[in-house]
PDB file of N, CA and C in Angstrom:
ATOM      1  N   UNK A   1     -16.289  -1.016  -6.088  1.00  0.00           N
ATOM      2  CA  UNK A   1     -17.432  -0.523  -5.391  1.00  0.00           C
ATOM      3  C   UNK A   1     -17.705   1.001  -5.518  1.00  0.00           C
ATOM      4  N   UNK A   2     -18.736   1.345  -5.604  1.00  0.00           N
ATOM      5  CA  UNK A   2     -18.780   3.068  -5.631  1.00  0.00           C
ATOM      6  C   UNK A   2     -19.160   3.763  -4.030  1.00  0.00           C
ATOM      7  N   UNK A   3     -18.322   4.892  -3.893  1.00  0.00           N
ATOM      8  CA  UNK A   3     -18.291   5.312  -2.796  1.00  0.00           C
ATOM      9  C   UNK A   3     -18.869   6.782  -2.738  1.00  0.00           C
ATOM     10  N   UNK A   4     -19.692   7.401  -1.869  1.00  0.00           N
ATOM     11  CA  UNK A   4     -20.061   8.626  -1.780  1.00  0.00           C
ATOM     12  C   UNK A   4     -18.819   9.574  -0.892  1.00  0.00           C
ATOM     13  N   UNK A   5     -18.513  10.761  -1.499  1.00  0.00           N
ATOM     14  CA  UNK A   5     -17.406  11.404  -0.459  1.00  0.00           C
ATOM     15  C   UNK A   5     -18.311  12.466   0.304  1.00  0.00           C
ATOM     16  N   UNK A   6     -18.614  12.182   1.495  1.00  0.00           N
ATOM     17  CA  UNK A   6     -19.064  12.745   2.689  1.00  0.00           C
ATOM     18  C   UNK A   6     -18.553  14.041   3.084  1.00  0.00           C
ATOM     19  N   UNK A   7     -17.129  13.878   3.343  1.00  0.00           N
ATOM     20  CA  UNK A   7     -16.761  15.005   3.826  1.00  0.00           C
ATOM     21  C   UNK A   7     -15.327  15.251   3.239  1.00  0.00           C
ATOM     22  N   UNK A   8     -14.603  16.035   3.081  1.00  0.00           N
ATOM     23  CA  UNK A   8     -13.185  16.484   3.120  1.00  0.00           C
ATOM     24  C   UNK A   8     -12.603  17.366   4.169  1.00  0.00           C
ATOM     25  N   UNK A   9     -11.674  17.014   4.980  1.00  0.00           N
ATOM     26  CA  UNK A   9     -10.897  17.700   5.702  1.00  0.00           C
ATOM     27  C   UNK A   9      -9.580  17.953   5.513  1.00  0.00           C
ATOM     28  N   UNK A  10      -9.064  19.126   5.914  1.00  0.00           N
ATOM     29  CA  UNK A  10      -7.733  19.111   5.804  1.00  0.00           C
ATOM     30  C   UNK A  10      -6.941  18.517   7.254  1.00  0.00           C
ATOM     31  N   UNK A  11      -6.053  17.780   6.735  1.00  0.00           N
ATOM     32  CA  UNK A  11      -5.412  16.873   7.602  1.00  0.00           C
ATOM     33  C   UNK A  11      -4.263  17.762   8.370  1.00  0.00           C
ATOM     34  N   UNK A  12      -4.755  18.014   9.780  1.00  0.00           N
ATOM     35  CA  UNK A  12      -4.016  18.824  10.382  1.00  0.00           C
ATOM     36  C   UNK A  12      -2.985  18.360  11.707  1.00  0.00           C
ATOM     37  N   UNK A  13      -3.307  16.972  11.774  1.00  0.00           N
ATOM     38  CA  UNK A  13      -2.497  16.148  12.803  1.00  0.00           C
ATOM     39  C   UNK A  13      -1.072  15.811  12.412  1.00  0.00           C
ATOM     40  N   UNK A  14      -0.026  16.593  12.744  1.00  0.00           N
ATOM     41  CA  UNK A  14       1.164  16.289  12.429  1.00  0.00           C
ATOM     42  C   UNK A  14       1.931  15.784  13.608  1.00  0.00           C
ATOM     43  N   UNK A  15       1.386  15.372  14.815  1.00  0.00           N
ATOM     44  CA  UNK A  15       1.945  14.724  15.669  1.00  0.00           C
ATOM     45  C   UNK A  15       2.876  16.013  16.605  1.00  0.00           C
ATOM     46  N   UNK A  16       3.913  15.717  17.062  1.00  0.00           N
ATOM     47  CA  UNK A  16       4.515  16.729  17.768  1.00  0.00           C
ATOM     48  C   UNK A  16       5.222  17.774  16.934  1.00  0.00           C
ATOM     49  N   UNK A  17       5.246  17.711  15.517  1.00  0.00           N
ATOM     50  CA  UNK A  17       6.115  18.490  14.839  1.00  0.00           C
ATOM     51  C   UNK A  17       4.918  19.122  13.614  1.00  0.00           C
ATOM     52  N   UNK A  18       5.665  20.025  13.154  1.00  0.00           N
ATOM     53  CA  UNK A  18       4.957  21.007  12.040  1.00  0.00           C
ATOM     54  C   UNK A  18       5.080  20.217  10.599  1.00  0.00           C
ATOM     55  N   UNK A  19       4.006  20.509   9.911  1.00  0.00           N
ATOM     56  CA  UNK A  19       4.248  19.858   8.384  1.00  0.00           C
ATOM     57  C   UNK A  19       5.487  20.362   7.883  1.00  0.00           C
ATOM     58  N   UNK A  20       6.358  19.597   7.323  1.00  0.00           N
ATOM     59  CA  UNK A  20       7.413  20.192   6.501  1.00  0.00           C
ATOM     60  C   UNK A  20       7.144  20.788   5.396  1.00  0.00           C
ATOM     61  N   UNK A  21       8.047  21.917   5.059  1.00  0.00           N
ATOM     62  CA  UNK A  21       7.708  22.808   3.796  1.00  0.00           C
ATOM     63  C   UNK A  21       7.374  22.149   2.792  1.00  0.00           C
ATOM     64  N   UNK A  22       8.622  21.104   2.376  1.00  0.00           N
ATOM     65  CA  UNK A  22       8.298  20.555   1.276  1.00  0.00           C
ATOM     66  C   UNK A  22       7.190  19.232   1.151  1.00  0.00           C
ATOM     67  N   UNK A  23       6.423  19.289   2.129  1.00  0.00           N
ATOM     68  CA  UNK A  23       5.454  18.384   2.116  1.00  0.00           C
ATOM     69  C   UNK A  23       4.025  18.518   1.717  1.00  0.00           C
ATOM     70  N   UNK A  24       3.190  17.746   0.967  1.00  0.00           N
ATOM     71  CA  UNK A  24       2.205  18.386   0.423  1.00  0.00           C
ATOM     72  C   UNK A  24       1.161  18.362   1.437  1.00  0.00           C
ATOM     73  N   UNK A  25       0.319  19.481   1.392  1.00  0.00           N
ATOM     74  CA  UNK A  25      -1.028  19.452   2.094  1.00  0.00           C
ATOM     75  C   UNK A  25      -2.230  18.452   1.887  1.00  0.00           C
ATOM     76  N   UNK A  26      -2.301  17.476   3.112  1.00  0.00           N
ATOM     77  CA  UNK A  26      -2.970  16.353   2.833  1.00  0.00           C
ATOM     78  C   UNK A  26      -4.458  16.441   3.401  1.00  0.00           C
ATOM     79  N   UNK A  27      -5.522  15.736   2.884  1.00  0.00           N
ATOM     80  CA  UNK A  27      -6.525  16.020   3.202  1.00  0.00           C
ATOM     81  C   UNK A  27      -7.290  14.461   3.825  1.00  0.00           C
ATOM     82  N   UNK A  28      -8.203  14.345   4.651  1.00  0.00           N
ATOM     83  CA  UNK A  28      -8.796  13.203   4.898  1.00  0.00           C
ATOM     84  C   UNK A  28     -10.318  13.296   4.365  1.00  0.00           C
ATOM     85  N   UNK A  29     -10.402  12.114   3.554  1.00  0.00           N
ATOM     86  CA  UNK A  29     -11.474  11.918   3.001  1.00  0.00           C
ATOM     87  C   UNK A  29     -12.538  10.917   3.573  1.00  0.00           C
ATOM     88  N   UNK A  30     -13.767  11.344   3.898  1.00  0.00           N
ATOM     89  CA  UNK A  30     -14.654  10.078   4.658  1.00  0.00           C
ATOM     90  C   UNK A  30     -15.724   9.838   3.296  1.00  0.00           C
ATOM     91  N   UNK A  31     -15.754   8.343   3.275  1.00  0.00           N
ATOM     92  CA  UNK A  31     -16.321   7.700   2.472  1.00  0.00           C
ATOM     93  C   UNK A  31     -17.482   6.925   2.924  1.00  0.00           C
ATOM     94  N   UNK A  32     -18.553   6.686   2.158  1.00  0.00           N
ATOM     95  CA  UNK A  32     -19.704   5.975   2.491  1.00  0.00           C
ATOM     96  C   UNK A  32     -19.824   4.836   1.140  1.00  0.00           C
ATOM     97  N   UNK A  33     -19.818   3.567   1.534  1.00  0.00           N
ATOM     98  CA  UNK A  33     -19.980   2.611   0.680  1.00  0.00           C
ATOM     99  C   UNK A  33     -21.429   2.519   0.212  1.00  0.00           C
ATOM    100  N   UNK A  34     -21.855   1.600  -0.710  1.00  0.00           N
ATOM    101  CA  UNK A  34     -23.322   1.306  -1.012  1.00  0.00           C
ATOM    102  C   UNK A  34     -23.949   0.838  -0.028  1.00  0.00           C
ATOM    103  N   UNK A  35     -23.243  -0.157   1.133  1.00  0.00           N
ATOM    104  CA  UNK A  35     -23.820  -0.610   2.131  1.00  0.00           C
ATOM    105  C   UNK A  35     -23.936   0.248   3.477  1.00  0.00           C
ATOM    106  N   UNK A  36     -23.401   1.196   3.236  1.00  0.00           N
ATOM    107  CA  UNK A  36     -23.561   2.246   4.353  1.00  0.00           C
ATOM    108  C   UNK A  36     -22.163   2.246   5.229  1.00  0.00           C
ATOM    109  N   UNK A  37     -21.580   1.418   5.048  1.00  0.00           N
ATOM    110  CA  UNK A  37     -20.121   1.325   5.810  1.00  0.00           C
ATOM    111  C   UNK A  37     -19.268   2.449   5.273  1.00  0.00           C
ATOM    112  N   UNK A  38     -18.585   3.292   6.548  1.00  0.00           N
ATOM    113  CA  UNK A  38     -17.989   4.443   6.192  1.00  0.00           C
ATOM    114  C   UNK A  38     -16.117   4.150   6.210  1.00  0.00           C
ATOM    115  N   UNK A  39     -15.430   4.798   5.717  1.00  0.00           N
ATOM    116  CA  UNK A  39     -14.105   4.652   5.809  1.00  0.00           C
ATOM    117  C   UNK A  39     -13.445   5.982   5.463  1.00  0.00           C
ATOM    118  N   UNK A  40     -12.377   6.299   6.028  1.00  0.00           N
ATOM    119  CA  UNK A  40     -11.439   7.316   5.925  1.00  0.00           C
ATOM    120  C   UNK A  40     -10.079   7.174   5.069  1.00  0.00           C
ATOM    121  N   UNK A  41      -9.660   7.729   4.213  1.00  0.00           N
ATOM    122  CA  UNK A  41      -8.712   7.755   3.253  1.00  0.00           C
ATOM    123  C   UNK A  41      -7.828   8.922   3.213  1.00  0.00           C
ATOM    124  N   UNK A  42      -6.466   8.965   3.302  1.00  0.00           N
ATOM    125  CA  UNK A  42      -5.670  10.140   3.482  1.00  0.00           C
ATOM    126  C   UNK A  42      -5.077  10.427   2.052  1.00  0.00           C
ATOM    127  N   UNK A  43      -5.371  11.537   1.447  1.00  0.00           N
ATOM    128  CA  UNK A  43      -4.840  11.732  -0.017  1.00  0.00           C
ATOM    129  C   UNK A  43      -4.557  13.444  -0.106  1.00  0.00           C
ATOM    130  N   UNK A  44      -3.456  13.534  -1.061  1.00  0.00           N
ATOM    131  CA  UNK A  44      -3.023  14.983  -1.275  1.00  0.00           C
ATOM    132  C   UNK A  44      -4.230  15.832  -1.698  1.00  0.00           C
ATOM    133  N   UNK A  45      -4.190  16.847  -1.089  1.00  0.00           N
ATOM    134  CA  UNK A  45      -5.342  17.774  -1.387  1.00  0.00           C
ATOM    135  C   UNK A  45      -5.270  18.479  -2.572  1.00  0.00           C
ATOM    136  N   UNK A  46      -4.217  18.433  -2.956  1.00  0.00           N
ATOM    137  CA  UNK A  46      -3.941  19.246  -4.424  1.00  0.00           C
ATOM    138  C   UNK A  46      -4.585  17.789  -5.655  1.00  0.00           C
ATOM    139  N   UNK A  47      -4.340  16.535  -5.398  1.00  0.00           N
ATOM    140  CA  UNK A  47      -4.813  15.242  -6.023  1.00  0.00           C
ATOM    141  C   UNK A  47      -6.485  15.678  -5.985  1.00  0.00           C
ATOM    142  N   UNK A  48      -7.363  15.908  -5.177  1.00  0.00           N
ATOM    143  CA  UNK A  48      -8.513  16.323  -4.968  1.00  0.00           C
ATOM    144  C   UNK A  48      -8.975  17.337  -5.835  1.00  0.00           C
ATOM    145  N   UNK A  49      -8.066  18.544  -5.944  1.00  0.00           N
ATOM    146  CA  UNK A  49      -8.429  19.653  -6.879  1.00  0.00           C
ATOM    147  C   UNK A  49      -8.127  19.239  -8.350  1.00  0.00           C
ATOM    148  N   UNK A  50      -7.044  18.447  -8.820  1.00  0.00           N
ATOM    149  CA  UNK A  50      -6.645  18.517 -10.026  1.00  0.00           C
ATOM    150  C   UNK A  50      -7.818  17.344 -10.296  1.00  0.00           C
ATOM    151  N   UNK A  51      -8.551  16.429  -9.885  1.00  0.00           N
ATOM    152  CA  UNK A  51      -9.118  15.477 -10.214  1.00  0.00           C
ATOM    153  C   UNK A  51     -10.784  15.944 -10.112  1.00  0.00           C
ATOM    154  N   UNK A  52     -10.931  17.402  -9.741  1.00  0.00           N
ATOM    155  CA  UNK A  52     -12.339  17.742  -9.610  1.00  0.00           C
ATOM    156  C   UNK A  52     -13.175  16.660  -8.430  1.00  0.00           C
ATOM    157  N   UNK A  53     -12.726  16.446  -7.410  1.00  0.00           N
ATOM    158  CA  UNK A  53     -13.391  15.446  -6.560  1.00  0.00           C
ATOM    159  C   UNK A  53     -13.784  16.291  -5.393  1.00  0.00           C
ATOM    160  N   UNK A  54     -15.208  16.431  -5.094  1.00  0.00           N
ATOM    161  CA  UNK A  54     -15.690  17.142  -4.121  1.00  0.00           C
ATOM    162  C   UNK A  54     -16.478  16.358  -3.183  1.00  0.00           C
ATOM    163  N   UNK A  55     -16.779  17.018  -2.235  1.00  0.00           N
ATOM    164  CA  UNK A  55     -17.842  16.341  -1.299  1.00  0.00           C
ATOM    165  C   UNK A  55     -19.327  16.127  -2.308  1.00  0.00           C
ATOM    166  N   UNK A  56     -19.942  14.930  -2.007  1.00  0.00           N
ATOM    167  CA  UNK A  56     -20.986  14.659  -2.487  1.00  0.00           C
ATOM    168  C   UNK A  56     -20.962  13.848  -3.991  1.00  0.00           C
ATOM    169  N   UNK A  57     -19.373  13.924  -4.353  1.00  0.00           N
ATOM    170  CA  UNK A  57     -19.426  12.865  -5.791  1.00  0.00           C
ATOM    171  C   UNK A  57     -19.179  11.512  -5.411  1.00  0.00           C
ATOM    172  N   UNK A  58     -19.405  11.008  -6.334  1.00  0.00           N
ATOM    173  CA  UNK A  58     -19.343   9.393  -6.241  1.00  0.00           C
ATOM    174  C   UNK A  58     -18.051   8.869  -6.670  1.00  0.00           C
ATOM    175  N   UNK A  59     -17.470   8.189  -6.363  1.00  0.00           N
ATOM    176  CA  UNK A  59     -15.822   7.886  -6.882  1.00  0.00           C
ATOM    177  C   UNK A  59     -15.783   6.469  -6.481  1.00  0.00           C
ATOM    178  N   UNK A  60     -14.690   5.862  -7.290  1.00  0.00           N
ATOM    179  CA  UNK A  60     -14.271   4.361  -6.799  1.00  0.00           C
ATOM    180  C   UNK A  60     -12.778   4.487  -6.460  1.00  0.00           C
ATOM    181  N   UNK A  61     -12.320   3.662  -5.600  1.00  0.00           N
ATOM    182  CA  UNK A  61     -10.944   3.478  -5.195  1.00  0.00           C
ATOM    183  C   UNK A  61     -10.185   2.613  -6.135  1.00  0.00           C
ATOM    184  N   UNK A  62      -9.196   3.471  -6.856  1.00  0.00           N
ATOM    185  CA  UNK A  62      -8.141   2.803  -7.822  1.00  0.00           C
ATOM    186  C   UNK A  62      -7.061   1.945  -6.856  1.00  0.00           C
ATOM    187  N   UNK A  63      -6.329   0.962  -7.683  1.00  0.00           N
ATOM    188  CA  UNK A  63      -5.399   0.208  -7.148  1.00  0.00           C
ATOM    189  C   UNK A  63      -4.471   0.774  -6.398  1.00  0.00           C
ATOM    190  N   UNK A  64      -4.178   2.092  -6.665  1.00  0.00           N
ATOM    191  CA  UNK A  64      -2.944   2.821  -5.787  1.00  0.00           C
ATOM    192  C   UNK A  64      -3.379   3.366  -4.823  1.00  0.00           C
ATOM    193  N   UNK A  65      -4.921   3.094  -4.499  1.00  0.00           N
ATOM    194  CA  UNK A  65      -5.520   3.773  -3.153  1.00  0.00           C
ATOM    195  C   UNK A  65      -6.369   5.020  -3.136  1.00  0.00           C
ATOM    196  N   UNK A  66      -5.937   5.696  -4.250  1.00  0.00           N
ATOM    197  CA  UNK A  66      -6.649   6.991  -4.736  1.00  0.00           C
ATOM    198  C   UNK A  66      -8.063   7.053  -5.128  1.00  0.00           C
ATOM    199  N   UNK A  67      -8.601   8.011  -5.016  1.00  0.00           N
ATOM    200  CA  UNK A  67     -10.133   8.026  -5.296  1.00  0.00           C
ATOM    201  C   UNK A  67     -10.069   8.483  -6.847  1.00  0.00           C
ATOM    202  N   UNK A  68     -11.252   8.074  -7.636  1.00  0.00           N
ATOM    203  CA  UNK A  68     -11.706   8.385  -8.978  1.00  0.00           C
ATOM    204  C   UNK A  68     -12.801   8.617  -8.915  1.00  0.00           C
ATOM    205  N   UNK A  69     -13.246   9.987  -9.496  1.00  0.00           N
ATOM    206  CA  UNK A  69     -14.395  10.319  -9.718  1.00  0.00           C
ATOM    207  C   UNK A  69     -15.237   9.376 -10.837  1.00  0.00           C
ATOM    208  N   UNK A  70     -16.327   9.074 -10.736  1.00  0.00           N
ATOM    209  CA  UNK A  70     -17.083   8.487 -11.718  1.00  0.00           C
ATOM    210  C   UNK A  70     -18.077   9.037 -12.810  1.00  0.00           C
TER     211      UNK A  70
END
């Protein structure tokens, strides 16, 4: 299924603790499928940069749960 990237936000919810220095910066990606249903996935921010994934892009979800640009 093809999803539209609606929004990319930095994941800043660390609970009671701060993000560990060795933890990657994570992003929350809001996706909308062809039927209009929305879902959110958590992905390393660097992964999005490395794969050129931006808001308004079309993606599919790989077997490992990460988005792949169409």
